[in-house]
Amino acid sequence: MKLIKNCKKDYFEKEKINLKQNGITLVALVVTIIVLLILAGISLSLVVGNNGVVKKAQQAIEETEFARKKEEEEFKRAEATMMTPWNGSIAESFAGGIGTQSDPYIVNNGEQLAYLAQQVNSGTSYEGQYIEITQSINLGNIKWTPIGVGSQGDRDETVWNMPDESNFRGILNGNNNVITGINIEEPNMHGVGLIGVLSEEGVVENIYMDQGKILGRSCVGGIVGASTGTVRNCINYAEVIAEDNDSNDSGQFAGGIIGWMYAGLVEDCTNTASVITKDDLFKVSRGKICGRNCWFYGTISG
C-alpha cells in the first residue's frame, strides 16, 4: 500500500513539472511568433490591437494557467485521500515552531489540527501568532469540533456576538493544502465551520476544504462559521447545512465560505458545494460566499 502511495505521489509530481514546462514553452512560442510577425512587416495593430495576436496569446496563456491550477487542485485533492486518516486523537503539541512569522507553529496531521482546536476552545486565541499547515490532512469523517466554538442553544436573533473567550485570533495559512473528510454535526451550535468563530485580528488563508459535511444551528460556513476577520484564497467542496429545528434562531445564515459575516474581508474564494438554509430571505442574503473576487458553483436550497 505504501509503495502504491509513493508511486502515485511520484506521478503527481511529474505531472506538475510537465504542466509548468508546457506553460513556459507556450510563452516562448508566443514571443517567437510575435517577433517573426513584426519582422515580416505585419502591421502593429494586428499584433497588439484588441483582436491582435498579443491579445489572443494573452488569453491562451490565461486559459493555460487556469487549466494548470485546476489540474494542481485535483492532484492535491487526490493526494489528501491517500493520507492516513485521523483516528480522533489529539496531539500534545504542534510539530514545531514558536508561532512567529519566520518560525510558525507547524501542523501536518489531524492530531495536531485537533490540538489547535483544543487550545483555542480552552481560551488560547493565538492572537498575532502564525500557524501553518504543511501537508494535506484526511480527517477520516470522524466528528470534528470547530476551531473556536460559538454559542449553544436559544439566542436572541438580534444579538450576533459570539463568545470572546474561544475565538480564533491567529494567522492560519493552509499553504494550498487540502483538508478532506470533515464531519461536523452541531445542531445546537451557532458559529460552525472548520473555524467556528474568527475575530477581526484573525486570518485564514490558502485552505482547500474537500469532501465532508458541516452542520450547525446557524452561522454555518465551509471555512468559517461566524467572522469579523479575513478569509482569502480558500476553496470549499464540503456540504454546508444550517439545521432547522423549528426554533426562531435555527436554519439561518449558511454560506459556502462564511456563514455569517459582521465585518472583515473575504477575497479570492470559491465554493462548489451545496448550501442548505431554512428560508428564502437568508439563503439569498447570506447563502453563497460573502465576499469579493469570489466564485460560487454549488446549489442553494431552503
C-alpha atoms as a PDB file:
ATOM      1  CA  MET A   1       0.000   0.000   0.000  1.00  0.00           C
ATOM      2  CA  LYS A   2       2.850   2.364   0.861  1.00  0.00           C
ATOM      3  CA  LEU A   3       4.505   1.581  -2.480  1.00  0.00           C
ATOM      4  CA  ILE A   4       1.281   2.442  -4.328  1.00  0.00           C
ATOM      5  CA  LYS A   5       1.010   5.765  -2.473  1.00  0.00           C
ATOM      6  CA  ASN A   6       4.621   6.621  -3.288  1.00  0.00           C
ATOM      7  CA  CYS A   7       4.093   5.769  -6.968  1.00  0.00           C
ATOM      8  CA  LYS A   8       1.002   7.978  -7.108  1.00  0.00           C
ATOM      9  CA  LYS A   9       2.835  10.858  -5.441  1.00  0.00           C
ATOM     10  CA  ASP A  10       5.734  10.481  -7.904  1.00  0.00           C
ATOM     11  CA  TYR A  11       3.248  10.587 -10.774  1.00  0.00           C
ATOM     12  CA  PHE A  12       1.606  13.745  -9.406  1.00  0.00           C
ATOM     13  CA  GLU A  13       4.982  15.474  -9.037  1.00  0.00           C
ATOM     14  CA  LYS A  14       5.986  14.583 -12.608  1.00  0.00           C
ATOM     15  CA  GLU A  15       2.659  15.889 -13.925  1.00  0.00           C
ATOM     16  CA  LYS A  16       3.137  19.193 -12.061  1.00  0.00           C
ATOM     17  CA  ILE A  17       6.581  19.602 -13.658  1.00  0.00           C
ATOM     18  CA  ASN A  18       5.152  18.823 -17.108  1.00  0.00           C
ATOM     19  CA  LEU A  19       2.386  21.407 -16.647  1.00  0.00           C
ATOM     20  CA  LYS A  20       4.890  24.122 -15.671  1.00  0.00           C
ATOM     21  CA  GLN A  21       7.181  23.231 -18.583  1.00  0.00           C
ATOM     22  CA  ASN A  22       4.250  23.357 -21.002  1.00  0.00           C
ATOM     23  CA  GLY A  23       3.373  26.831 -19.738  1.00  0.00           C
ATOM     24  CA  ILE A  24       6.933  28.059 -20.251  1.00  0.00           C
ATOM     25  CA  THR A  25       7.019  26.517 -23.755  1.00  0.00           C
ATOM     26  CA  LEU A  26       3.779  28.289 -24.701  1.00  0.00           C
ATOM     27  CA  VAL A  27       5.087  31.682 -23.599  1.00  0.00           C
ATOM     28  CA  ALA A  28       8.326  31.202 -25.545  1.00  0.00           C
ATOM     29  CA  LEU A  29       6.374  30.172 -28.646  1.00  0.00           C
ATOM     30  CA  VAL A  30       4.109  33.224 -28.464  1.00  0.00           C
ATOM     31  CA  VAL A  31       7.071  35.604 -28.110  1.00  0.00           C
ATOM     32  CA  THR A  32       8.800  33.992 -31.101  1.00  0.00           C
ATOM     33  CA  ILE A  33       5.678  34.308 -33.280  1.00  0.00           C
ATOM     34  CA  ILE A  34       5.242  37.981 -32.395  1.00  0.00           C
ATOM     35  CA  VAL A  35       8.857  38.769 -33.297  1.00  0.00           C
ATOM     36  CA  LEU A  36       8.531  36.921 -36.603  1.00  0.00           C
ATOM     37  CA  LEU A  37       5.304  38.758 -37.483  1.00  0.00           C
ATOM     38  CA  ILE A  38       6.876  42.148 -36.818  1.00  0.00           C
ATOM     39  CA  LEU A  39       9.954  41.224 -38.888  1.00  0.00           C
ATOM     40  CA  ALA A  40       7.654  40.086 -41.685  1.00  0.00           C
ATOM     41  CA  GLY A  41       6.116  43.565 -41.865  1.00  0.00           C
ATOM     42  CA  ILE A  42       2.742  42.795 -40.288  1.00  0.00           C
ATOM     43  CA  SER A  43       1.080  45.984 -39.012  1.00  0.00           C
ATOM     44  CA  LEU A  44       1.458  46.794 -35.329  1.00  0.00           C
ATOM     45  CA  SER A  45      -2.330  46.920 -34.832  1.00  0.00           C
ATOM     46  CA  LEU A  46      -2.656  43.316 -35.975  1.00  0.00           C
ATOM     47  CA  VAL A  47      -0.056  42.375 -33.407  1.00  0.00           C
ATOM     48  CA  VAL A  48      -1.052  44.449 -30.349  1.00  0.00           C
ATOM     49  CA  GLY A  49      -4.643  45.567 -31.134  1.00  0.00           C
ATOM     50  CA  ASN A  50      -7.755  44.467 -29.235  1.00  0.00           C
ATOM     51  CA  ASN A  51      -8.133  41.469 -31.515  1.00  0.00           C
ATOM     52  CA  GLY A  52      -4.458  41.148 -32.282  1.00  0.00           C
ATOM     53  CA  VAL A  53      -2.004  38.344 -31.804  1.00  0.00           C
ATOM     54  CA  VAL A  54      -0.820  39.608 -28.405  1.00  0.00           C
ATOM     55  CA  LYS A  55      -4.363  39.763 -27.009  1.00  0.00           C
ATOM     56  CA  LYS A  56      -5.201  36.280 -28.216  1.00  0.00           C
ATOM     57  CA  ALA A  57      -1.890  34.982 -26.962  1.00  0.00           C
ATOM     58  CA  GLN A  58      -2.609  36.510 -23.549  1.00  0.00           C
ATOM     59  CA  GLN A  59      -5.999  34.797 -23.478  1.00  0.00           C
ATOM     60  CA  ALA A  60      -4.356  31.499 -24.389  1.00  0.00           C
ATOM     61  CA  ILE A  61      -1.813  31.917 -21.578  1.00  0.00           C
ATOM     62  CA  GLU A  62      -4.573  32.734 -19.059  1.00  0.00           C
ATOM     63  CA  GLU A  63      -6.567  29.671 -20.131  1.00  0.00           C
ATOM     64  CA  THR A  64      -3.469  27.507 -19.800  1.00  0.00           C
ATOM     65  CA  GLU A  65      -2.769  28.888 -16.328  1.00  0.00           C
ATOM     66  CA  PHE A  66      -6.377  28.275 -15.271  1.00  0.00           C
ATOM     67  CA  ALA A  67      -6.155  24.688 -16.533  1.00  0.00           C
ATOM     68  CA  ARG A  68      -2.848  24.229 -14.713  1.00  0.00           C
ATOM     69  CA  LYS A  69      -4.356  25.430 -11.440  1.00  0.00           C
ATOM     70  CA  LYS A  70      -7.347  23.110 -11.850  1.00  0.00           C
ATOM     71  CA  GLU A  71      -5.034  20.176 -12.524  1.00  0.00           C
ATOM     72  CA  GLU A  72      -2.947  21.037  -9.476  1.00  0.00           C
ATOM     73  CA  GLU A  73      -6.088  21.300  -7.365  1.00  0.00           C
ATOM     74  CA  GLU A  74      -7.249  17.845  -8.494  1.00  0.00           C
ATOM     75  CA  PHE A  75      -3.820  16.399  -7.726  1.00  0.00           C
ATOM     76  CA  LYS A  76      -3.961  17.812  -4.198  1.00  0.00           C
ATOM     77  CA  ARG A  77      -7.487  16.501  -3.629  1.00  0.00           C
ATOM     78  CA  ALA A  78      -6.411  13.027  -4.738  1.00  0.00           C
ATOM     79  CA  GLU A  79      -3.303  13.240  -2.577  1.00  0.00           C
ATOM     80  CA  ALA A  80      -5.382  14.133   0.507  1.00  0.00           C
ATOM     81  CA  THR A  81      -7.471  10.969   0.195  1.00  0.00           C
ATOM     82  CA  MET A  82      -4.252   8.928   0.316  1.00  0.00           C
ATOM     83  CA  MET A  83      -3.118  10.444   3.618  1.00  0.00           C
ATOM     84  CA  THR A  84      -3.501   8.294   6.735  1.00  0.00           C
ATOM     85  CA  PRO A  85      -6.943   9.177   8.173  1.00  0.00           C
ATOM     86  CA  TRP A  86      -7.144  10.937  11.517  1.00  0.00           C
ATOM     87  CA  ASN A  87      -8.066   8.493  14.305  1.00  0.00           C
ATOM     88  CA  GLY A  88      -9.721  11.045  16.576  1.00  0.00           C
ATOM     89  CA  SER A  89      -6.769  11.503  18.923  1.00  0.00           C
ATOM     90  CA  ILE A  90      -5.269  14.863  19.945  1.00  0.00           C
ATOM     91  CA  ALA A  91      -1.554  15.651  19.824  1.00  0.00           C
ATOM     92  CA  GLU A  92       0.236  17.096  22.838  1.00  0.00           C
ATOM     93  CA  SER A  93       1.894  19.860  20.814  1.00  0.00           C
ATOM     94  CA  PHE A  94       2.481  21.175  17.304  1.00  0.00           C
ATOM     95  CA  ALA A  95       5.086  19.537  15.060  1.00  0.00           C
ATOM     96  CA  GLY A  96       7.401  22.508  15.617  1.00  0.00           C
ATOM     97  CA  GLY A  97       7.767  26.286  15.532  1.00  0.00           C
ATOM     98  CA  ILE A  98       7.369  29.078  18.049  1.00  0.00           C
ATOM     99  CA  GLY A  99       4.483  30.960  16.444  1.00  0.00           C
ATOM    100  CA  THR A 100       6.387  33.795  14.774  1.00  0.00           C
ATOM    101  CA  GLN A 101       6.120  34.722  11.104  1.00  0.00           C
ATOM    102  CA  SER A 102       9.611  33.381  10.424  1.00  0.00           C
ATOM    103  CA  ASP A 103       9.108  30.268  12.569  1.00  0.00           C
ATOM    104  CA  PRO A 104       5.363  29.472  12.653  1.00  0.00           C
ATOM    105  CA  TYR A 105       3.730  26.629  14.543  1.00  0.00           C
ATOM    106  CA  ILE A 106       3.594  23.594  12.235  1.00  0.00           C
ATOM    107  CA  VAL A 107       0.544  21.381  11.684  1.00  0.00           C
ATOM    108  CA  ASN A 108       0.990  18.344   9.449  1.00  0.00           C
ATOM    109  CA  ASN A 109      -1.740  15.887  10.528  1.00  0.00           C
ATOM    110  CA  GLY A 110      -5.211  15.602  12.036  1.00  0.00           C
ATOM    111  CA  GLU A 111      -3.906  15.129  15.562  1.00  0.00           C
ATOM    112  CA  GLN A 112      -2.076  18.453  15.504  1.00  0.00           C
ATOM    113  CA  LEU A 113      -5.056  20.244  13.921  1.00  0.00           C
ATOM    114  CA  ALA A 114      -7.212  18.828  16.729  1.00  0.00           C
ATOM    115  CA  TYR A 115      -4.629  20.147  19.210  1.00  0.00           C
ATOM    116  CA  LEU A 116      -5.084  23.623  17.746  1.00  0.00           C
ATOM    117  CA  ALA A 117      -8.866  23.303  18.164  1.00  0.00           C
ATOM    118  CA  GLN A 118      -8.473  22.110  21.746  1.00  0.00           C
ATOM    119  CA  GLN A 119      -6.183  25.006  22.648  1.00  0.00           C
ATOM    120  CA  VAL A 120      -8.397  27.669  21.072  1.00  0.00           C
ATOM    121  CA  ASN A 121     -11.541  26.252  22.648  1.00  0.00           C
ATOM    122  CA  SER A 122      -9.787  26.297  26.028  1.00  0.00           C
ATOM    123  CA  GLY A 123      -9.096  30.025  25.735  1.00  0.00           C
ATOM    124  CA  THR A 124      -5.791  30.327  23.835  1.00  0.00           C
ATOM    125  CA  SER A 125      -6.647  32.712  20.985  1.00  0.00           C
ATOM    126  CA  TYR A 126      -3.187  32.733  19.278  1.00  0.00           C
ATOM    127  CA  GLU A 127      -3.596  36.451  18.617  1.00  0.00           C
ATOM    128  CA  GLY A 128      -0.724  37.711  16.465  1.00  0.00           C
ATOM    129  CA  GLN A 129       0.744  34.201  16.153  1.00  0.00           C
ATOM    130  CA  TYR A 130       1.335  32.263  12.939  1.00  0.00           C
ATOM    131  CA  ILE A 131       0.311  28.684  12.234  1.00  0.00           C
ATOM    132  CA  GLU A 132       0.994  26.783   9.005  1.00  0.00           C
ATOM    133  CA  ILE A 133      -0.416  23.544   7.629  1.00  0.00           C
ATOM    134  CA  THR A 134       2.446  21.855   5.790  1.00  0.00           C
ATOM    135  CA  GLN A 135       0.677  18.924   4.113  1.00  0.00           C
ATOM    136  CA  SER A 136      -2.819  17.756   3.230  1.00  0.00           C
ATOM    137  CA  ILE A 137      -4.930  16.232   6.013  1.00  0.00           C
ATOM    138  CA  ASN A 138      -7.554  13.483   5.950  1.00  0.00           C
ATOM    139  CA  LEU A 139      -9.923  13.902   8.914  1.00  0.00           C
ATOM    140  CA  GLY A 140     -11.455  10.484   8.200  1.00  0.00           C
ATOM    141  CA  ASN A 141     -15.106  11.601   8.651  1.00  0.00           C
ATOM    142  CA  ILE A 142     -14.667  11.421  12.429  1.00  0.00           C
ATOM    143  CA  LYS A 143     -16.687  14.011  14.342  1.00  0.00           C
ATOM    144  CA  TRP A 144     -14.788  17.325  14.332  1.00  0.00           C
ATOM    145  CA  THR A 145     -15.056  20.175  16.826  1.00  0.00           C
ATOM    146  CA  PRO A 146     -14.658  23.636  15.223  1.00  0.00           C
ATOM    147  CA  ILE A 147     -11.556  25.700  15.971  1.00  0.00           C
ATOM    148  CA  GLY A 148     -13.201  28.409  18.061  1.00  0.00           C
ATOM    149  CA  VAL A 149     -16.656  27.304  19.185  1.00  0.00           C
ATOM    150  CA  GLY A 150     -19.731  29.526  19.086  1.00  0.00           C
ATOM    151  CA  SER A 151     -22.676  29.756  21.432  1.00  0.00           C
ATOM    152  CA  GLN A 152     -25.161  26.994  22.199  1.00  0.00           C
ATOM    153  CA  GLY A 153     -28.948  26.828  22.389  1.00  0.00           C
ATOM    154  CA  ASP A 154     -31.592  29.524  22.052  1.00  0.00           C
ATOM    155  CA  ARG A 155     -30.444  33.079  21.469  1.00  0.00           C
ATOM    156  CA  ASP A 156     -31.810  36.494  20.545  1.00  0.00           C
ATOM    157  CA  GLU A 157     -31.705  36.801  16.745  1.00  0.00           C
ATOM    158  CA  THR A 158     -30.747  40.479  17.023  1.00  0.00           C
ATOM    159  CA  VAL A 159     -27.632  39.733  19.088  1.00  0.00           C
ATOM    160  CA  TRP A 160     -24.879  38.159  16.991  1.00  0.00           C
ATOM    161  CA  ASN A 161     -21.967  38.437  19.395  1.00  0.00           C
ATOM    162  CA  MET A 162     -20.052  35.200  19.776  1.00  0.00           C
ATOM    163  CA  PRO A 163     -18.198  34.236  22.985  1.00  0.00           C
ATOM    164  CA  ASP A 164     -14.877  36.090  23.069  1.00  0.00           C
ATOM    165  CA  GLU A 165     -13.085  33.506  25.168  1.00  0.00           C
ATOM    166  CA  SER A 166     -12.981  30.915  22.385  1.00  0.00           C
ATOM    167  CA  ASN A 167     -12.457  32.975  19.212  1.00  0.00           C
ATOM    168  CA  PHE A 168      -9.522  32.274  16.903  1.00  0.00           C
ATOM    169  CA  ARG A 169      -7.360  35.390  16.512  1.00  0.00           C
ATOM    170  CA  GLY A 170      -4.234  33.967  14.882  1.00  0.00           C
ATOM    171  CA  ILE A 171      -2.987  33.685  11.288  1.00  0.00           C
ATOM    172  CA  LEU A 172      -3.651  30.233   9.825  1.00  0.00           C
ATOM    173  CA  ASN A 173      -2.020  29.521   6.452  1.00  0.00           C
ATOM    174  CA  GLY A 174      -3.012  26.276   4.746  1.00  0.00           C
ATOM    175  CA  ASN A 175      -0.325  26.636   2.046  1.00  0.00           C
ATOM    176  CA  ASN A 176      -2.920  25.451  -0.511  1.00  0.00           C
ATOM    177  CA  ASN A 177      -3.142  22.064   1.177  1.00  0.00           C
ATOM    178  CA  VAL A 178      -6.375  20.072   1.250  1.00  0.00           C
ATOM    179  CA  ILE A 179      -8.410  19.117   4.309  1.00  0.00           C
ATOM    180  CA  THR A 180     -10.746  16.265   3.394  1.00  0.00           C
ATOM    181  CA  GLY A 181     -13.268  14.148   5.277  1.00  0.00           C
ATOM    182  CA  ILE A 182     -14.524  16.811   7.706  1.00  0.00           C
ATOM    183  CA  ASN A 183     -17.596  15.819   9.703  1.00  0.00           C
ATOM    184  CA  ILE A 184     -19.272  18.423  11.910  1.00  0.00           C
ATOM    185  CA  GLU A 185     -22.743  17.829  13.349  1.00  0.00           C
ATOM    186  CA  GLU A 186     -23.612  20.503  15.898  1.00  0.00           C
ATOM    187  CA  PRO A 187     -27.393  21.076  15.516  1.00  0.00           C
ATOM    188  CA  ASN A 188     -27.475  23.192  18.684  1.00  0.00           C
ATOM    189  CA  MET A 189     -24.433  25.415  17.949  1.00  0.00           C
ATOM    190  CA  HIS A 190     -24.205  28.898  16.385  1.00  0.00           C
ATOM    191  CA  GLY A 191     -20.869  29.544  14.642  1.00  0.00           C
ATOM    192  CA  VAL A 192     -19.847  26.306  12.932  1.00  0.00           C
ATOM    193  CA  GLY A 193     -17.117  25.580  10.357  1.00  0.00           C
ATOM    194  CA  LEU A 194     -13.528  24.380  10.220  1.00  0.00           C
ATOM    195  CA  ILE A 195     -13.035  27.643  12.137  1.00  0.00           C
ATOM    196  CA  GLY A 196     -16.130  28.248  14.259  1.00  0.00           C
ATOM    197  CA  VAL A 197     -15.566  31.894  15.219  1.00  0.00           C
ATOM    198  CA  LEU A 198     -12.903  34.169  13.680  1.00  0.00           C
ATOM    199  CA  SER A 199     -12.197  37.533  15.325  1.00  0.00           C
ATOM    200  CA  GLU A 200     -11.148  40.688  13.488  1.00  0.00           C
ATOM    201  CA  GLU A 201      -7.470  40.029  14.207  1.00  0.00           C
ATOM    202  CA  GLY A 202      -7.742  36.540  12.715  1.00  0.00           C
ATOM    203  CA  VAL A 203      -6.685  35.469   9.220  1.00  0.00           C
ATOM    204  CA  VAL A 204      -7.446  32.184   7.438  1.00  0.00           C
ATOM    205  CA  GLU A 205      -5.923  31.672   4.002  1.00  0.00           C
ATOM    206  CA  ASN A 206      -4.933  29.160   1.339  1.00  0.00           C
ATOM    207  CA  ILE A 207      -7.088  26.244   2.526  1.00  0.00           C
ATOM    208  CA  TYR A 208      -8.907  23.758   0.263  1.00  0.00           C
ATOM    209  CA  MET A 209     -11.786  22.130   2.124  1.00  0.00           C
ATOM    210  CA  ASP A 210     -12.674  18.933   0.292  1.00  0.00           C
ATOM    211  CA  GLN A 211     -15.446  16.373   0.767  1.00  0.00           C
ATOM    212  CA  GLY A 212     -17.436  16.302   4.001  1.00  0.00           C
ATOM    213  CA  LYS A 213     -20.431  17.769   5.829  1.00  0.00           C
ATOM    214  CA  ILE A 214     -20.644  20.826   8.089  1.00  0.00           C
ATOM    215  CA  LEU A 215     -23.918  21.142  10.025  1.00  0.00           C
ATOM    216  CA  GLY A 216     -24.869  23.690  12.678  1.00  0.00           C
ATOM    217  CA  ARG A 217     -27.862  25.590  14.028  1.00  0.00           C
ATOM    218  CA  SER A 218     -26.970  28.950  12.446  1.00  0.00           C
ATOM    219  CA  CYS A 219     -23.917  30.868  11.198  1.00  0.00           C
ATOM    220  CA  VAL A 220     -22.545  27.828   9.377  1.00  0.00           C
ATOM    221  CA  GLY A 221     -19.738  28.096   6.806  1.00  0.00           C
ATOM    222  CA  GLY A 222     -17.474  25.835   4.794  1.00  0.00           C
ATOM    223  CA  ILE A 223     -14.366  27.614   6.105  1.00  0.00           C
ATOM    224  CA  VAL A 224     -15.602  29.903   8.923  1.00  0.00           C
ATOM    225  CA  GLY A 225     -18.924  29.908  10.758  1.00  0.00           C
ATOM    226  CA  ALA A 226     -19.007  33.487  12.088  1.00  0.00           C
ATOM    227  CA  SER A 227     -16.361  36.045  11.120  1.00  0.00           C
ATOM    228  CA  THR A 228     -15.169  39.587  11.564  1.00  0.00           C
ATOM    229  CA  GLY A 229     -11.707  38.657  10.299  1.00  0.00           C
ATOM    230  CA  THR A 230     -10.027  37.953   6.949  1.00  0.00           C
ATOM    231  CA  VAL A 231     -10.527  34.892   4.744  1.00  0.00           C
ATOM    232  CA  ARG A 232      -8.678  34.683   1.435  1.00  0.00           C
ATOM    233  CA  ASN A 233      -7.871  32.193  -1.301  1.00  0.00           C
ATOM    234  CA  CYS A 234      -9.966  29.349   0.131  1.00  0.00           C
ATOM    235  CA  ILE A 235     -11.998  26.695  -1.691  1.00  0.00           C
ATOM    236  CA  ASN A 236     -14.861  24.649  -0.252  1.00  0.00           C
ATOM    237  CA  TYR A 237     -16.337  21.374  -1.525  1.00  0.00           C
ATOM    238  CA  ALA A 238     -17.983  20.302   1.768  1.00  0.00           C
ATOM    239  CA  GLU A 239     -21.781  20.441   2.123  1.00  0.00           C
ATOM    240  CA  VAL A 240     -22.978  23.236   4.430  1.00  0.00           C
ATOM    241  CA  ILE A 241     -26.241  22.941   6.379  1.00  0.00           C
ATOM    242  CA  ALA A 242     -27.944  25.319   8.806  1.00  0.00           C
ATOM    243  CA  GLU A 243     -30.221  22.844  10.591  1.00  0.00           C
ATOM    244  CA  ASP A 244     -33.860  23.898  11.026  1.00  0.00           C
ATOM    245  CA  ASN A 245     -35.223  22.605  14.344  1.00  0.00           C
ATOM    246  CA  ASP A 246     -38.374  24.785  14.216  1.00  0.00           C
ATOM    247  CA  SER A 247     -36.957  27.414  16.596  1.00  0.00           C
ATOM    248  CA  ASN A 248     -36.687  31.080  15.541  1.00  0.00           C
ATOM    249  CA  ASP A 249     -32.895  31.123  15.612  1.00  0.00           C
ATOM    250  CA  SER A 250     -32.197  27.918  13.696  1.00  0.00           C
ATOM    251  CA  GLY A 251     -31.613  27.241   9.999  1.00  0.00           C
ATOM    252  CA  GLN A 252     -30.214  30.708   9.278  1.00  0.00           C
ATOM    253  CA  PHE A 253     -27.011  32.181   7.862  1.00  0.00           C
ATOM    254  CA  ALA A 254     -25.238  29.420   5.942  1.00  0.00           C
ATOM    255  CA  GLY A 255     -22.532  30.198   3.393  1.00  0.00           C
ATOM    256  CA  GLY A 256     -20.139  28.264   1.214  1.00  0.00           C
ATOM    257  CA  ILE A 257     -17.152  30.082   2.720  1.00  0.00           C
ATOM    258  CA  ILE A 258     -18.553  32.044   5.708  1.00  0.00           C
ATOM    259  CA  GLY A 259     -21.931  31.552   7.372  1.00  0.00           C
ATOM    260  CA  TRP A 260     -22.307  34.962   8.977  1.00  0.00           C
ATOM    261  CA  MET A 261     -20.009  37.914   8.414  1.00  0.00           C
ATOM    262  CA  TYR A 262     -20.491  41.021  10.533  1.00  0.00           C
ATOM    263  CA  ALA A 263     -17.308  42.718   9.280  1.00  0.00           C
ATOM    264  CA  GLY A 264     -13.950  41.827   7.781  1.00  0.00           C
ATOM    265  CA  LEU A 265     -12.830  40.702   4.334  1.00  0.00           C
ATOM    266  CA  VAL A 266     -13.311  37.735   2.014  1.00  0.00           C
ATOM    267  CA  GLU A 267     -11.484  37.575  -1.303  1.00  0.00           C
ATOM    268  CA  ASP A 268     -10.412  35.116  -3.999  1.00  0.00           C
ATOM    269  CA  CYS A 269     -12.569  32.299  -2.629  1.00  0.00           C
ATOM    270  CA  THR A 270     -14.601  29.572  -4.364  1.00  0.00           C
ATOM    271  CA  ASN A 271     -17.471  27.362  -3.231  1.00  0.00           C
ATOM    272  CA  THR A 272     -18.683  24.377  -5.258  1.00  0.00           C
ATOM    273  CA  ALA A 273     -20.771  22.591  -2.602  1.00  0.00           C
ATOM    274  CA  SER A 274     -24.473  22.797  -1.744  1.00  0.00           C
ATOM    275  CA  VAL A 275     -25.676  25.241   0.930  1.00  0.00           C
ATOM    276  CA  ILE A 276     -28.919  24.467   2.788  1.00  0.00           C
ATOM    277  CA  THR A 277     -30.806  27.051   4.891  1.00  0.00           C
ATOM    278  CA  LYS A 278     -34.325  27.476   6.226  1.00  0.00           C
ATOM    279  CA  ASP A 279     -35.912  30.205   4.139  1.00  0.00           C
ATOM    280  CA  ASP A 280     -35.570  32.328   1.019  1.00  0.00           C
ATOM    281  CA  LEU A 281     -34.540  35.501   2.875  1.00  0.00           C
ATOM    282  CA  PHE A 282     -31.422  34.027   4.386  1.00  0.00           C
ATOM    283  CA  LYS A 283     -30.430  31.783   1.522  1.00  0.00           C
ATOM    284  CA  VAL A 284     -30.377  34.798  -0.818  1.00  0.00           C
ATOM    285  CA  SER A 285     -28.737  37.330   1.514  1.00  0.00           C
ATOM    286  CA  ARG A 286     -26.161  35.033   3.084  1.00  0.00           C
ATOM    287  CA  GLY A 287     -26.121  31.831   1.085  1.00  0.00           C
ATOM    288  CA  LYS A 288     -23.262  31.926  -1.385  1.00  0.00           C
ATOM    289  CA  ILE A 289     -19.902  33.207  -0.180  1.00  0.00           C
ATOM    290  CA  CYS A 290     -19.941  36.708   1.400  1.00  0.00           C
ATOM    291  CA  GLY A 291     -17.053  38.466  -0.349  1.00  0.00           C
ATOM    292  CA  ARG A 292     -15.368  39.857  -3.440  1.00  0.00           C
ATOM    293  CA  ASN A 293     -13.489  38.304  -6.372  1.00  0.00           C
ATOM    294  CA  CYS A 294     -15.183  35.037  -5.419  1.00  0.00           C
ATOM    295  CA  TRP A 295     -16.911  32.241  -7.332  1.00  0.00           C
ATOM    296  CA  PHE A 296     -19.915  30.069  -6.478  1.00  0.00           C
ATOM    297  CA  TYR A 297     -20.741  26.837  -8.345  1.00  0.00           C
ATOM    298  CA  GLY A 298     -22.893  24.986  -5.815  1.00  0.00           C
ATOM    299  CA  THR A 299     -26.638  24.906  -5.166  1.00  0.00           C
ATOM    300  CA  ILE A 300     -28.710  26.661  -2.514  1.00  0.00           C
ATOM    301  CA  SER A 301     -31.917  25.248  -1.061  1.00  0.00           C
ATOM    302  CA  GLY A 302     -34.222  26.321   1.728  1.00  0.00           C
END
